[in-house]
Structure formats: structure tokens, C-alpha cells
């Protein structure tokens, strides 16, 4: 029996997200559903010495867009700010020397689509954790037809 799990691609997902990937034979990133502004799709929290800090990817969004269609605002230096916040708050973490280059590379790229950014980060973390389930975006699959 093949185990299939389906979740929306989120920004810097929590450990439970990767536990679900670990329990799956195939993991589908459900990016063909409507985007929700100010959701986990575009933001997350990190821990700092002053408490929690929100990291939000600025997007250009229209009503009714799917997650796969949402564009990242390229005029905002959000990636540099997010990277600096992560460096400041996690550089003393035990696995920093292993993880920092992976994150630095991701935050150094120009991202046009939010789903591409999230898929990349999820893939990087999954590989780092040794997870082998293939990640498949729902937008890359043929549309479903038929009835309920």
C-alpha cells in the first residue's frame, strides 16, 4: 500500500510537517487551492531573545489566486532581512554550520513565485533530514475529472 500525504506548501514549516513527509511514500504540495493572505503559506515565526518574531514574505496577490500563482514582491528586500534575523537568532545553534549554507543559498536567490520558494525550502529541509518521499506539486499533475 502506498501512503500519500497532501499539504499546502508553507513558509519555513514546523517539524510536524516533516514528520508527515517522513511517513509518506509520496508527498503532494497542494498549491492549486486558493491563497490566503497572512497565512502560513507566506509567513512564520522564529524564536528570538525578545520573544517571537514574524517573518512574512511580501506578495502581490489578487482575490481568487491559487498558491501556485502568487508572486513575490521583488522590490522589497525581505530575503536579506529574513536571512539576517535567522543568522542573529540561530548562529549559535548546534547544527548551524551544516544548515547555514543551505539557508543562505535559498535566501540569496531571486524568487518570483511563493510556491517555488516554499517548495525549495521544504525540499532542502527534507533532504537535510534524510527524507526520501518525492515532493510533487499538485499544479504539475493533470486536473482531476469526474464526479464526487
Protein backbone atom coordinates (compact mmCIF):
# COMPACT_ATOMS: atom_id res chain seq x y z
CA UNK A 1 0.00 0.00 0.00
CA UNK A 2 1.30 3.45 -0.95
CA UNK A 3 0.93 6.24 1.61
CA UNK A 4 0.08 9.60 0.09
CA UNK A 5 0.01 12.81 2.12
CA UNK A 6 -1.20 16.19 0.90
CA UNK A 7 -0.45 19.59 2.48
CA UNK A 8 -0.29 23.17 1.29
CA UNK A 9 3.28 24.43 0.82
CA UNK A 10 4.07 26.60 3.84
CA UNK A 11 6.90 29.01 4.56
CA UNK A 12 9.55 27.54 6.87
CA UNK A 13 7.28 24.70 8.09
CA UNK A 14 7.26 23.20 11.56
CA UNK A 15 8.77 19.81 12.42
CA UNK A 16 5.38 18.05 12.24
CA UNK A 17 5.23 18.88 8.53
CA UNK A 18 8.44 16.89 8.01
CA UNK A 19 7.16 14.06 10.20
CA UNK A 20 4.24 13.76 7.77
CA UNK A 21 6.66 13.70 4.82
CA UNK A 22 8.66 11.00 6.63
CA UNK A 23 5.54 8.84 6.99
CA UNK A 24 4.64 9.21 3.30
CA UNK A 25 5.65 7.38 0.17
CA UNK A 26 4.63 10.42 -1.91
CA UNK A 27 4.06 13.93 -0.58
CA UNK A 28 1.86 16.30 -2.59
CA UNK A 29 2.31 20.05 -2.14
CA UNK A 30 -1.25 21.24 -2.66
CA UNK A 31 -0.63 24.53 -4.47
CA UNK A 32 -3.81 24.59 -6.56
CA UNK A 33 -6.02 25.85 -3.72
CA UNK A 34 -6.82 29.49 -3.07
CA UNK A 35 -4.09 31.55 -1.44
CA UNK A 36 -4.95 33.02 1.97
CA UNK A 37 -3.26 36.31 2.82
CA UNK A 38 -1.37 36.42 6.12
CA UNK A 39 -1.39 32.61 6.38
CA UNK A 40 1.35 30.06 6.99
CA UNK A 41 1.71 30.00 3.21
CA UNK A 42 3.62 33.29 3.34
CA UNK A 43 4.76 33.72 6.93
CA UNK A 44 6.03 32.01 10.03
CA UNK A 45 7.51 32.82 13.42
CA UNK A 46 11.02 32.37 14.73
CA UNK A 47 12.16 32.48 18.35
CA UNK A 48 14.35 35.39 19.40
CA UNK A 49 15.79 36.55 22.72
CA UNK A 50 12.96 39.11 22.82
CA UNK A 51 10.21 36.55 22.07
CA UNK A 52 8.63 35.53 18.80
CA UNK A 53 9.29 37.40 15.56
CA UNK A 54 7.16 37.10 12.44
CA UNK A 55 8.88 36.61 9.09
CA UNK A 56 6.48 37.45 6.25
CA UNK A 57 7.21 37.12 2.54
CA UNK A 58 5.62 40.13 0.81
CA UNK A 59 3.43 39.09 -2.10
CA UNK A 60 1.42 40.53 -4.97
CA UNK A 61 -1.89 38.83 -4.62
CA UNK A 62 -5.30 39.07 -6.25
CA UNK A 63 -8.56 37.66 -4.98
CA UNK A 64 -9.06 34.07 -6.05
CA UNK A 65 -5.43 33.29 -6.94
CA UNK A 66 -4.11 29.84 -6.22
CA UNK A 67 -0.96 29.43 -4.15
CA UNK A 68 0.90 28.48 -7.35
CA UNK A 69 0.01 31.85 -8.93
CA UNK A 70 1.07 34.17 -6.11
CA UNK A 71 4.07 36.33 -6.98
CA UNK A 72 6.69 37.52 -4.51
CA UNK A 73 7.22 41.30 -4.36
CA UNK A 74 10.71 41.65 -5.78
CA UNK A 75 11.01 45.34 -4.81
CA UNK A 76 11.15 44.52 -1.09
CA UNK A 77 14.46 43.34 0.47
CA UNK A 78 12.59 40.77 2.55
CA UNK A 79 15.02 37.87 1.90
CA UNK A 80 18.02 39.79 3.24
CA UNK A 81 16.00 40.77 6.33
CA UNK A 82 14.81 37.20 6.93
CA UNK A 83 18.32 35.81 6.49
CA UNK A 84 19.76 38.38 8.91
CA UNK A 85 17.08 37.59 11.51
CA UNK A 86 17.83 33.88 11.23
CA UNK A 87 21.60 34.47 11.49
CA UNK A 88 21.19 36.73 14.52
CA UNK A 89 18.97 34.30 16.39
CA UNK A 90 20.29 30.87 15.38
CA UNK A 91 24.03 31.20 14.67
CA UNK A 92 24.85 29.51 17.99
CA UNK A 93 22.58 26.52 17.33
CA UNK A 94 24.38 23.13 17.28
CA UNK A 95 23.62 22.41 13.61
CA UNK A 96 24.25 25.97 12.36
CA UNK A 97 27.41 25.16 10.40
CA UNK A 98 25.53 22.47 8.45
CA UNK A 99 22.27 24.36 7.89
CA UNK A 100 23.51 27.92 7.31
CA UNK A 101 24.85 27.34 3.77
CA UNK A 102 21.56 25.72 2.71
CA UNK A 103 19.52 28.64 4.01
CA UNK A 104 21.94 31.28 2.77
CA UNK A 105 21.71 29.86 -0.74
CA UNK A 106 17.91 29.85 -0.62
CA UNK A 107 17.69 33.42 0.70
CA UNK A 108 20.27 34.57 -1.85
CA UNK A 109 18.14 33.57 -4.84
CA UNK A 110 15.65 35.86 -6.55
CA UNK A 111 12.20 34.29 -6.12
CA UNK A 112 9.30 35.16 -8.42
CA UNK A 113 6.68 32.74 -7.13
CA UNK A 114 5.85 31.99 -3.50
CA UNK A 115 5.18 28.31 -4.24
CA UNK A 116 8.65 27.97 -5.80
CA UNK A 117 10.26 29.44 -2.68
CA UNK A 118 8.26 27.25 -0.29
CA UNK A 119 8.80 24.11 -2.37
CA UNK A 120 12.53 24.77 -2.49
CA UNK A 121 12.81 25.33 1.28
CA UNK A 122 10.72 22.24 2.04
CA UNK A 123 12.89 20.20 -0.33
CA UNK A 124 16.11 21.50 1.22
CA UNK A 125 14.96 20.68 4.75
CA UNK A 126 13.57 17.28 3.73
CA UNK A 127 16.89 16.35 2.09
CA UNK A 128 18.85 17.58 5.13
CA UNK A 129 16.66 15.37 7.34
CA UNK A 130 17.24 12.38 5.02
CA UNK A 131 13.61 12.11 3.93
CA UNK A 132 13.11 10.21 0.70
CA UNK A 133 9.45 10.73 -0.23
CA UNK A 134 9.17 12.52 -3.57
CA UNK A 135 7.65 16.01 -3.34
CA UNK A 136 5.07 16.59 -6.09
CA UNK A 137 3.26 19.88 -6.67
CA UNK A 138 -0.44 19.49 -7.39
CA UNK A 139 -0.09 22.14 -10.12
CA UNK A 140 2.17 19.72 -12.02
CA UNK A 141 -0.49 16.98 -12.06
CA UNK A 142 -3.24 16.51 -14.61
CA UNK A 143 -6.52 18.01 -13.39
CA UNK A 144 -8.95 15.60 -11.81
CA UNK A 145 -12.14 14.91 -13.71
CA UNK A 146 -15.28 13.08 -12.82
CA UNK A 147 -17.80 13.31 -10.04
CA UNK A 148 -17.66 13.20 -6.27
